[in-house]
Amino acid sequence: MNRIVPLVLAVALFMEQMDSTVISTSLPAIAADIGTSPIALKLALTAYLVSLAVFIPVSGWMADRFGAKNVFRAAIVVFVLGSIACAVSDSLLAFVVSRFFQGVGGAMMTPVGRLVLVRSTPRSELVGAMAWLTMPALIGPLLGPPVGGFLTTYFSWHWIFLINVPIGLIGIWFATRYLPSIETLIQRPLDVPGFFLSGIAASGIVFGLSVVSLPALPSWVGFSTLAVGIMATVLYLIHARKTPEPLLALDLFKNQVFRASIVGGSLFRIGVGAVPFLLPLMFQIGFGMTPFQSGLITFVSAAGAMTMKLVTKWFYRRTGFRNSLMYGSVVAAGFIAINGFFTPETPYLLMIVLLLAGGFFRSLFFTGTNALAYADIPNEQTSLATPISSVAQQISIALGVAVAGGILEVSTSMHGGALQLSDFHIAFFIVAAVSSLACLSFRGLRPDAGAEVSGHRPLVKVPAPAE
């Protein structure tokens, strides 16, 4: 396997993933500097997520039309320009618009980067390559808050954006030098109605869930937007059935392996999306830690994710996708639930060890689901599979934050007081239970599902269980 390709892609995606959360600990300082409130400034977080939701669906078509390598480099340029615009913003409106523009670049970087990897990597090497590409999604959200807090405390909040400039320039140079020029496999017209409907659907759902869970606006705005997103989703489903070449090819869900990967991965990401929201809050509110202290402890999950890379390929070759993902989802969900047993009296070393193990199993699970999504997809359809996978990821993570926020709100209303440690414990147990449901999606797979990618050869060929 040419390791330089996944490494180049991973560096760029790490920049995007970390930046999506890096401003969370810097909101008060940014708000004070540009003359607004931290609550209002959360609109900038939402604007970024909405931009991702709008433009991810068209990323596959863009890659086919203009070339995946060209679109990936252009996405880095847009992301860097958006970062500069954020750094020089002097008002709430300017900052929100800059974050939206930055999200356009992020929307292209993640799915197109994955597309480049799939098309340039032999199927037998895909699990190992995906291990590199999975780490940014797991490490970035954990590293973002402590890095943002450090730069804001000891330098200036502007640096959380300006640091992207040299990283982006290096990424463009490496992409130009080392990424293969992949020829466009198909040319298809742009599904313009599908673009608008999918954009409204995904952004409405993501925006609505974000507002409901992090109320920078009245809750009725979030619920109304969520309703619009759901209506647009229904309209898109009707449109896709009548259109020969829809923007998001939902016919791919007829493939059982692809369907299991998307559904199972989405269910599990609900818990994963909730953890970066719940854990720092619990450490700060329930344990009395500073943001920087909580960030340092939660970051050990990233170390677990990095060690996963050493065994991923061997592990899936030995056990196969079906058993690994079916049982692995339960084990990884169990480590989410373990967070619900943490108290201020829990030894720090024990928490670190458990968070380390949890990061390992979550990363192992996501590497498998990301690789499985392409196991039965021919190369000419990878540009159709990638945006579906990316949209599902964004919506499920946003849903995880919304579910966690809703649980905390209901729990506090029941006891009629401020947030307590027990509220966080309840939230961890519930989101872990939801994540464990992912195992049902993989139960119906054949033992040799995705064998071309995993290299697993079961001793006995067993027919797939009846659905």
Foldseek 3Di string as FASTA:
>chain_A
DPQLLLQLLLLLLLLLQLLLAQCVQVLCVVCVQLPHHSLLLCLLSLLLLLLLQLQLLCLLQCCLVPNLLVLQLVLLVQLLVLLLQCLPDNHSVSNSVSSNSNSPSSSNSLLSSLLLLVLVDFLQCLLLSLLSNLLSNQQSLLQNHLVSVVCVVPPNNSCSRNVSNVSSVVSSVSSVVPRDGDHNPDHDDAPVVLSVLSSLQLSLLLSLLSCLLSPSDPNVSSVVSNVRNVVSVVVSVVVQVVDPDHSQNPVLCVPLLLVLLLVLVLLQLLLVLQCSVLQLCCCCVQQVDDSNVSSVLLSLLSVLSVVLSVCLLVVCQAQNLLVLQLVLLLVLLVLLLVSLVDHNPPDSVVSSVSSSNSSNSVSSNNSSSSSSNCLPPDSNCSSNSSSVSSSSSSSSSSNSSSQLSVQQVVVCVVVVHDGYSNSSSVSSVVSSVSSSCSSVSSQQDWSCRSCSNSVYDDPDGDHGDDD
